[in-house]
């Protein structure tokens, strides 16, 4: 997934958050076309969870954390607590980073 995000982030005006949103929105269309995307670390995120994850990731990036490290921590937290609110997700992630 990070390789696919890198392709989108190389486009002028597209940041990490927008790139991730594009991946989420295009995931179904890509699946229908037969192109396979890597799994999200075994986590089945619904749209609500994905929005929370993207918001938390953007906050962590603004605080200076690396995208890859933040993604790993957020995925681990969401795997344990899928119904977590964004504020609690950010707090938990900060404790783990």
Protein backbone atom coordinates (compact mmCIF):
# COMPACT_ATOMS: atom_id res chain seq x y z
CA UNK A 1 0.00 0.00 0.00
CA UNK A 2 2.83 2.42 0.78
CA UNK A 3 4.18 1.95 -2.76
CA UNK A 4 0.78 2.87 -4.20
CA UNK A 5 0.57 5.89 -1.91
CA UNK A 6 4.02 7.01 -3.04
CA UNK A 7 2.79 7.11 -6.63
CA UNK A 8 -0.08 9.42 -5.68
CA UNK A 9 2.09 11.57 -3.39
CA UNK A 10 4.49 12.24 -6.28
CA UNK A 11 1.73 14.17 -8.02
CA UNK A 12 2.03 17.91 -7.41
CA UNK A 13 -0.59 19.06 -4.90
CA UNK A 14 -1.33 15.57 -3.51
CA UNK A 15 -0.26 14.97 0.07
CA UNK A 16 -0.37 11.87 2.24
CA UNK A 17 -3.95 12.37 3.41
CA UNK A 18 -5.29 12.96 -0.09
CA UNK A 19 -3.31 10.01 -1.43
CA UNK A 20 -4.80 7.74 1.22
CA UNK A 21 -8.28 9.04 0.50
CA UNK A 22 -7.76 8.30 -3.20
CA UNK A 23 -6.68 4.76 -2.35
CA UNK A 24 -9.81 4.23 -0.26
CA UNK A 25 -12.11 5.64 -2.93
CA UNK A 26 -10.48 3.71 -5.76
CA UNK A 27 -10.13 0.42 -3.90
CA UNK A 28 -13.50 -0.98 -5.09
CA UNK A 29 -12.93 0.13 -8.68
CA UNK A 30 -9.45 -1.38 -8.71
CA UNK A 31 -10.80 -4.64 -7.27
CA UNK A 32 -13.42 -4.84 -10.05
CA UNK A 33 -10.71 -4.35 -12.67
CA UNK A 34 -8.78 -7.37 -11.38
CA UNK A 35 -5.75 -5.46 -10.09
CA UNK A 36 -4.78 -6.65 -6.63
CA UNK A 37 -3.83 -4.28 -3.83
CA UNK A 38 -1.96 -5.36 -0.73
CA UNK A 39 -4.06 -5.84 2.38
CA UNK A 40 -4.12 -3.20 5.09
CA UNK A 41 -2.14 -5.28 7.62
CA UNK A 42 -5.06 -7.70 7.96
CA UNK A 43 -7.46 -5.00 9.11
CA UNK A 44 -10.88 -4.67 7.55
CA UNK A 45 -11.62 -0.98 7.95
CA UNK A 46 -15.06 0.33 7.18
CA UNK A 47 -15.53 3.86 5.83
CA UNK A 48 -16.01 5.35 9.30
CA UNK A 49 -12.84 3.71 10.63
CA UNK A 50 -10.92 4.80 7.56
CA UNK A 51 -11.97 8.42 8.07
CA UNK A 52 -10.89 8.25 11.72
CA UNK A 53 -7.61 6.66 10.67
CA UNK A 54 -6.93 9.31 8.02
CA UNK A 55 -7.70 12.13 10.44
CA UNK A 56 -5.44 10.65 13.11
CA UNK A 57 -2.68 10.06 10.56
CA UNK A 58 -2.87 13.66 9.39
CA UNK A 59 -2.63 14.89 12.99
CA UNK A 60 0.41 12.69 13.69
CA UNK A 61 2.08 13.86 10.48
CA UNK A 62 1.54 17.49 11.46
CA UNK A 63 3.27 16.68 14.75
CA UNK A 64 6.26 15.44 12.76
CA UNK A 65 5.87 11.67 12.96
CA UNK A 66 6.88 9.52 9.99
CA UNK A 67 3.98 8.19 7.93
CA UNK A 68 5.16 4.58 8.05
CA UNK A 69 5.59 4.57 11.85
CA UNK A 70 2.25 6.30 12.39
CA UNK A 71 0.49 3.84 10.04
CA UNK A 72 1.85 0.83 11.92
CA UNK A 73 0.73 2.21 15.28
CA UNK A 74 -2.70 3.27 14.01
CA UNK A 75 -3.28 -0.13 12.39
CA UNK A 76 -2.34 -1.91 15.61
CA UNK A 77 -4.71 0.24 17.67
CA UNK A 78 -7.59 -0.11 15.19
CA UNK A 79 -7.09 -3.86 15.10
CA UNK A 80 -7.64 -4.02 18.88
CA UNK A 81 -10.29 -1.28 19.13
CA UNK A 82 -12.17 -0.82 15.82
CA UNK A 83 -14.83 1.55 17.23
CA UNK A 84 -12.36 4.05 18.71
CA UNK A 85 -12.93 7.79 18.34
CA UNK A 86 -10.31 9.93 16.64
CA UNK A 87 -9.28 11.75 19.83
CA UNK A 88 -8.68 8.49 21.68
CA UNK A 89 -6.88 7.04 18.66
CA UNK A 90 -4.47 9.99 18.56
CA UNK A 91 -3.83 9.79 22.32
CA UNK A 92 -3.15 6.06 22.13
CA UNK A 93 -0.88 6.51 19.12
CA UNK A 94 1.12 9.24 20.85
CA UNK A 95 1.71 6.92 23.80
CA UNK A 96 3.03 4.22 21.46
CA UNK A 97 5.24 6.46 19.30
